[in-house]
Protein backbone atom coordinates (compact mmCIF):
# COMPACT_ATOMS: atom_id res chain seq x y z
CA UNK A 1 102.64 208.85 163.66
CA UNK A 2 103.18 212.67 162.68
CA UNK A 3 105.79 211.60 160.14
CA UNK A 4 102.88 209.74 158.16
CA UNK A 5 101.19 212.93 158.23
CA UNK A 6 104.01 215.63 157.74
CA UNK A 7 102.71 216.29 154.23
CA UNK A 8 99.42 217.61 155.95
CA UNK A 9 101.27 219.19 158.50
CA UNK A 10 103.65 221.11 156.14
CA UNK A 11 100.19 222.08 154.21
CA UNK A 12 98.33 223.66 156.90
CA UNK A 13 101.67 225.55 157.84
CA UNK A 14 102.16 226.97 153.95
CA UNK A 15 98.57 228.12 154.04
CA UNK A 16 98.74 229.65 157.17
CA UNK A 17 102.00 231.68 155.95
CA UNK A 18 100.55 232.39 152.64
CA UNK A 19 97.31 233.53 153.60
CA UNK A 20 98.58 235.70 157.22
CA UNK A 21 96.61 233.46 159.87
CA UNK A 22 97.84 234.19 162.64
CA UNK A 23 97.07 230.68 164.02
CA UNK A 24 96.11 227.06 162.92
CA UNK A 25 95.05 223.90 163.83
CA UNK A 26 94.61 220.19 162.42
CA UNK A 27 92.84 216.88 164.36
CA UNK A 28 92.42 213.89 162.66
CA UNK A 29 90.63 211.22 163.81
CA UNK A 30 90.43 207.88 161.99
CA UNK A 31 88.75 204.49 163.26
CA UNK A 32 86.96 207.00 165.91
CA UNK A 33 90.61 207.58 167.65
CA UNK A 34 92.62 211.02 167.34
CA UNK A 35 95.64 209.95 165.82
CA UNK A 36 96.88 213.81 165.10
CA UNK A 37 96.70 216.95 167.02
CA UNK A 38 98.96 220.00 165.42
CA UNK A 39 98.51 223.76 166.68
CA UNK A 40 100.63 226.38 165.59
CA UNK A 41 100.78 230.02 165.79
CA UNK A 42 98.79 232.63 167.89
CA UNK A 43 95.39 233.50 168.69
CA UNK A 44 96.33 237.00 167.20
CA UNK A 45 98.74 238.83 164.71
CA UNK A 46 99.62 241.63 167.56
CA UNK A 47 102.60 240.53 170.17
CA UNK A 48 102.43 238.47 173.07
CA UNK A 49 98.80 237.06 171.98
CA UNK A 50 97.96 233.69 173.65
CA UNK A 51 99.26 230.49 171.50
CA UNK A 52 97.33 228.29 169.60
CA UNK A 53 96.07 225.06 172.10
CA UNK A 54 93.29 222.66 172.31
CA UNK A 55 91.15 224.79 174.07
CA UNK A 56 91.22 227.76 171.48
CA UNK A 57 87.96 227.95 170.07
CA UNK A 58 87.88 229.17 166.12
CA UNK A 59 85.37 230.98 164.17
CA UNK A 60 83.64 228.45 161.59
CA UNK A 61 81.65 231.20 159.77
CA UNK A 62 79.89 229.14 156.81
CA UNK A 63 80.62 226.03 158.39
CA UNK A 64 77.87 226.13 160.80
CA UNK A 65 76.01 225.39 157.79
CA UNK A 66 76.97 221.63 158.54
CA UNK A 67 75.36 222.56 161.86
CA UNK A 68 71.67 223.75 160.52
CA UNK A 69 71.78 221.18 157.99
CA UNK A 70 71.24 218.27 160.79
CA UNK A 71 68.23 220.66 162.26
CA UNK A 72 66.51 220.90 158.48
CA UNK A 73 67.46 216.57 158.72
CA UNK A 74 65.26 216.27 162.23
CA UNK A 75 62.43 218.74 160.53
CA UNK A 76 62.09 216.15 157.70
CA UNK A 77 62.79 213.26 159.97
CA UNK A 78 59.54 214.31 162.01
CA UNK A 79 57.51 214.91 159.07
CA UNK A 80 57.36 218.76 159.67
CA UNK A 81 58.10 219.34 156.02
CA UNK A 82 59.63 217.51 153.07
CA UNK A 83 62.40 218.17 150.74
CA UNK A 84 59.99 218.63 147.26
CA UNK A 85 57.40 221.05 149.24
CA UNK A 86 57.38 224.27 147.18
CA UNK A 87 58.70 227.57 149.25
CA UNK A 88 55.45 229.30 148.27
CA UNK A 89 54.16 226.85 151.08
CA UNK A 90 55.76 228.50 153.93
CA UNK A 91 57.21 232.07 152.85
CA UNK A 92 54.16 234.43 152.29
CA UNK A 93 55.87 237.33 152.37
CA UNK A 94 57.85 236.40 149.08
CA UNK A 95 56.63 236.89 145.71
CA UNK A 96 55.18 233.76 144.49
CA UNK A 97 55.48 234.98 141.18
CA UNK A 98 59.73 235.28 142.36
CA UNK A 99 59.70 231.81 144.03
CA UNK A 100 58.31 230.09 141.36
CA UNK A 101 58.16 226.13 141.71
CA UNK A 102 61.54 226.55 144.11
CA UNK A 103 61.05 223.75 147.00
CA UNK A 104 63.05 223.04 149.99
CA UNK A 105 65.64 220.66 148.31
CA UNK A 106 66.63 223.82 145.82
CA UNK A 107 66.93 226.08 148.76
CA UNK A 108 69.25 223.50 150.96
CA UNK A 109 71.35 222.84 147.84
CA UNK A 110 72.50 225.88 146.60
CA UNK A 111 70.13 225.30 143.48
CA UNK A 112 67.20 227.80 144.13
CA UNK A 113 68.57 230.49 141.55
CA UNK A 114 67.70 233.63 144.44
CA UNK A 115 69.43 236.22 145.38
CA UNK A 116 69.22 238.85 147.75
CA UNK A 117 70.48 242.59 147.23
CA UNK A 118 72.06 245.05 149.13
CA UNK A 119 68.78 247.05 149.87
CA UNK A 120 67.05 244.10 150.17
CA UNK A 121 65.43 243.59 147.36
CA UNK A 122 65.16 239.37 146.36
CA UNK A 123 65.96 238.60 142.70
CA UNK A 124 66.01 235.82 140.48
CA UNK A 125 69.61 235.15 138.82
CA UNK A 126 68.20 231.50 137.67
CA UNK A 127 65.73 228.92 137.42
CA UNK A 128 65.18 227.13 140.13
CA UNK A 129 67.19 223.05 139.41
CA UNK A 130 69.30 224.75 136.03
CA UNK A 131 72.06 226.35 137.79
CA UNK A 132 74.28 226.44 141.36
CA UNK A 133 75.36 229.43 143.15
CA UNK A 134 76.48 229.97 146.74
CA UNK A 135 74.20 232.91 148.12
CA UNK A 136 73.09 233.87 151.73
CA UNK A 137 69.60 234.40 150.98
CA UNK A 138 68.36 230.29 151.27
CA UNK A 139 70.16 229.88 154.63
CA UNK A 140 68.27 233.54 156.01
CA UNK A 141 65.17 231.72 154.57
CA UNK A 142 65.75 228.24 155.85
CA UNK A 143 67.26 229.37 159.23
CA UNK A 144 63.69 231.03 159.88
CA UNK A 145 61.29 228.09 158.58
CA UNK A 146 63.25 225.79 160.67
CA UNK A 147 63.12 228.04 164.12
CA UNK A 148 59.14 228.26 163.16
CA UNK A 149 58.77 224.65 163.01
CA UNK A 150 61.00 223.50 165.42
CA UNK A 151 59.24 226.12 167.59
CA UNK A 152 62.87 227.11 169.05
CA UNK A 153 66.11 228.35 167.35
CA UNK A 154 68.21 225.82 165.74
CA UNK A 155 71.53 226.63 168.05
CA UNK A 156 68.70 225.88 171.13
CA UNK A 157 67.75 222.25 169.51
CA UNK A 158 71.09 221.65 169.31
CA UNK A 159 72.13 222.02 172.35
CA UNK A 160 69.54 220.18 173.69
CA UNK A 161 69.87 217.37 171.22
CA UNK A 162 73.46 217.22 170.46
CA UNK A 163 75.63 219.18 172.09
CA UNK A 164 74.62 218.38 175.83
CA UNK A 165 74.48 214.41 174.84
CA UNK A 166 77.73 214.07 173.62
CA UNK A 167 79.72 216.77 176.38
CA UNK A 168 80.37 219.30 173.75
CA UNK A 169 81.42 222.30 176.04
CA UNK A 170 83.72 224.31 173.73
CA UNK A 171 80.98 224.54 171.02
CA UNK A 172 78.73 227.54 170.95
CA UNK A 173 77.38 230.93 169.43
CA UNK A 174 79.43 233.44 171.15
CA UNK A 175 78.13 237.11 172.69
CA UNK A 176 81.10 237.96 174.62
CA UNK A 177 84.86 237.61 174.03
CA UNK A 178 86.79 235.61 175.99
CA UNK A 179 89.98 234.34 176.58
CA UNK A 180 89.57 230.99 174.86
CA UNK A 181 88.11 232.37 171.21
CA UNK A 182 90.35 232.81 168.45
CA UNK A 183 89.74 236.60 166.67
CA UNK A 184 89.71 236.87 163.15
CA UNK A 185 92.30 238.58 160.63
CA UNK A 186 90.66 240.71 158.27
CA UNK A 187 93.70 242.18 157.02
CA UNK A 188 97.65 241.69 158.30
CA UNK A 189 98.57 244.79 158.99
CA UNK A 190 95.35 245.09 161.52
CA UNK A 191 94.82 243.30 164.66
CA UNK A 192 92.70 240.19 164.79
CA UNK A 193 89.00 241.25 165.93
CA UNK A 194 85.56 239.72 166.86
CA UNK A 195 82.81 239.94 165.16
CA UNK A 196 80.45 239.15 168.51
CA UNK A 197 76.74 240.58 169.62
CA UNK A 198 73.27 239.46 169.24
CA UNK A 199 73.22 235.48 167.77
CA UNK A 200 70.09 236.75 165.68
CA UNK A 201 68.94 233.15 166.15
CA UNK A 202 72.15 231.57 165.72
CA UNK A 203 72.65 233.54 162.24
CA UNK A 204 75.59 235.78 162.79
CA UNK A 205 78.72 234.17 162.06
CA UNK A 206 80.25 233.73 165.46
CA UNK A 207 79.76 230.31 165.87
CA UNK A 208 82.90 228.95 167.75
CA UNK A 209 84.19 225.50 168.55
CA UNK A 210 87.58 223.94 168.99
CA UNK A 211 89.57 221.64 166.65
CA UNK A 212 88.82 218.55 168.70
CA UNK A 213 85.12 219.44 168.74
CA UNK A 214 84.84 220.67 165.01
CA UNK A 215 86.43 216.88 164.24
CA UNK A 216 83.87 215.01 166.77
CA UNK A 217 80.77 217.08 165.37
CA UNK A 218 82.41 215.29 161.79
CA UNK A 219 82.33 211.87 163.95
CA UNK A 220 79.01 211.96 164.96
CA UNK A 221 78.14 212.43 161.34
CA UNK A 222 80.36 209.23 160.38
CA UNK A 223 79.48 207.23 162.82
CA UNK A 224 75.68 207.63 161.91
CA UNK A 225 74.38 209.68 164.70
CA UNK A 226 76.66 207.40 167.58
CA UNK A 227 72.80 206.38 169.31
CA UNK A 228 72.58 210.31 170.28
CA UNK A 229 70.81 211.70 166.69
CA UNK A 230 68.77 208.74 164.42
CA UNK A 231 70.89 207.55 161.74
CA UNK A 232 68.47 208.34 159.14
CA UNK A 233 69.12 212.24 160.17
CA UNK A 234 72.32 211.96 159.28
CA UNK A 235 71.95 209.89 156.54
CA UNK A 236 69.83 212.86 154.37
CA UNK A 237 72.02 215.70 155.39
CA UNK A 238 74.77 213.58 154.14
CA UNK A 239 73.50 212.16 151.24
CA UNK A 240 73.23 213.99 147.64
CA UNK A 241 70.10 215.70 147.75
CA UNK A 242 70.86 218.20 144.74
CA UNK A 243 68.47 217.86 141.56
CA UNK A 244 70.00 216.64 138.75
CA UNK A 245 71.92 219.01 136.82
CA UNK A 246 72.60 219.41 132.91
CA UNK A 247 75.88 220.74 133.86
CA UNK A 248 77.62 217.79 134.75
CA UNK A 249 80.53 219.94 136.70
CA UNK A 250 78.20 221.47 139.06
CA UNK A 251 79.07 220.89 143.12
CA UNK A 252 76.95 218.24 144.37
CA UNK A 253 75.40 219.12 147.97
CA UNK A 254 73.78 217.07 151.05
CA UNK A 255 71.77 219.44 153.50
CA UNK A 256 74.48 222.04 152.43
CA UNK A 257 77.18 219.68 153.27
CA UNK A 258 79.65 219.41 149.62
CA UNK A 259 79.09 215.41 148.52
CA UNK A 260 81.38 213.24 146.60
CA UNK A 261 79.36 211.84 143.95
CA UNK A 262 81.02 211.95 140.44
CA UNK A 263 83.93 213.98 140.46
CA UNK A 264 83.17 217.41 139.57
CA UNK A 265 85.17 220.34 138.46
CA UNK A 266 83.37 223.11 140.39
CA UNK A 267 83.13 220.92 143.57
CA UNK A 268 85.61 221.48 146.51
CA UNK A 269 86.25 218.26 146.90
CA UNK A 270 89.02 216.58 144.84
CA UNK A 271 88.93 214.16 142.22
CA UNK A 272 90.73 211.78 144.17
CA UNK A 273 88.42 211.66 147.39
CA UNK A 274 85.94 208.30 147.58
CA UNK A 275 82.40 208.52 146.61
CA UNK A 276 80.34 209.27 149.49
CA UNK A 277 82.78 212.33 151.00
CA UNK A 278 81.92 215.21 152.46
CA UNK A 279 82.67 218.12 153.23
CA UNK A 280 81.94 222.10 154.72
CA UNK A 281 84.27 224.89 154.82
CA UNK A 282 84.08 228.58 156.11
CA UNK A 283 85.11 231.76 155.17
CA UNK A 284 87.95 232.12 157.90
CA UNK A 285 89.27 228.72 157.29
CA UNK A 286 87.68 226.39 158.96
CA UNK A 287 87.69 222.78 156.60
CA UNK A 288 85.66 219.61 158.10
CA UNK A 289 86.22 216.51 155.73
CA UNK A 290 84.44 213.41 156.59
CA UNK A 291 85.46 210.35 154.31
CA UNK A 292 83.63 207.49 155.60
CA UNK A 293 85.43 204.47 152.95
CA UNK A 294 88.60 205.34 155.04
CA UNK A 295 86.64 205.87 158.45
CA UNK A 296 88.80 209.21 158.58
CA UNK A 297 87.45 212.56 159.78
CA UNK A 298 89.80 215.67 159.29
CA UNK A 299 89.69 218.82 160.68
CA UNK A 300 91.53 222.13 159.75
CA UNK A 301 91.41 225.79 161.24
CA UNK A 302 92.28 228.86 160.33
CA UNK A 303 91.42 232.48 161.46
CA UNK A 304 91.78 234.52 158.20
CA UNK A 305 89.28 235.90 156.48
CA UNK A 306 88.77 234.50 152.89
CA UNK A 307 90.63 231.67 151.65
CA UNK A 308 94.23 231.56 150.00
CA UNK A 309 94.02 231.83 146.30
CA UNK A 310 91.40 234.24 145.65
CA UNK A 311 88.90 233.36 142.36
CA UNK A 312 91.05 230.14 142.54
CA UNK A 313 90.51 229.08 146.23
CA UNK A 314 88.71 225.94 144.73
CA UNK A 315 92.17 224.85 143.89
CA UNK A 316 93.42 224.84 147.23
CA UNK A 317 90.57 223.08 149.00
CA UNK A 318 90.49 220.31 146.26
CA UNK A 319 94.53 219.79 146.78
CA UNK A 320 93.66 220.09 150.56
CA UNK A 321 90.98 216.33 150.51
CA UNK A 322 93.39 215.52 147.79
CA UNK A 323 96.21 215.12 149.65
CA UNK A 324 94.09 213.84 152.46
CA UNK A 325 92.67 210.93 150.68
CA UNK A 326 96.51 210.54 149.17
CA UNK A 327 97.61 209.73 153.02
CA UNK A 328 95.26 207.79 153.41
CA UNK A 329 94.76 205.21 150.60
CA UNK A 330 98.48 204.85 150.94
CA UNK A 331 98.15 203.92 154.30
CA UNK A 332 95.39 200.98 153.66
CA UNK A 333 97.03 199.76 150.54
CA UNK A 334 100.11 199.42 152.87
CA UNK A 335 98.40 197.51 155.84
């Protein structure tokens, strides 16, 4: 079985080495069964560091947006808000003229046009719905909103409604180091380190999970909630929710997930990935790819801050997703 996935394993190892990640993991689920687990390297780039294995828990960084997205979907499903509600209804502390007619839809699909400067000032880069930009201000706004609407932090809601029913024990926002947590390499010449502390309602980039549970998180979505989460919640999170863009090369999103609609040049999903697939990634290297057409989930993990390729990082993300698509298209053709 591993021979079938050798190109994917080689890709993981090549990027691990090129990007100076000290460890990597790859887990593939096909038809609800784990068909591949690959672990390599060490928890840190120092001598005598612990080897990566199935219990190693990686910092998923911005991939935590997929977890936030599910909580947003719950709020929509339960009628606590609507995608086309104006942001001014919920954010009275932000200048109304600045918000314009920005909606919840714009905030969750990176099409809002807002940006927060280092001094805390919020500016407008483009009019809502006219373009796409990956910023942090919308995450802060939406996190504050869903916490308020649900009456609890979104990690608490996930623990109650999803993690416990699924039996997850290796997915959590961490505040203290432990032997299972994989620290992050910021620079090859410096020892890997943790960025832990107060969870700040789950906004800190300290959500850790094992490659297995990351893959199972994707499989929950692939299986429309598995009877644990309402299927309508999953659909809201993983279907295209972006407004129609004039520029057809811009990415399309669900509730933060990148979704394959019409293949687009600036999407992180390659052009050979089937329509309806979706993916999330983090700056430390984790990527979770779900391809419903092939009934496949692929979770890859690294522990190096910033994706390999610099400004050309999209090429390598697209290359990986295309390689996954080619692998399973080939298997289906053989069958």
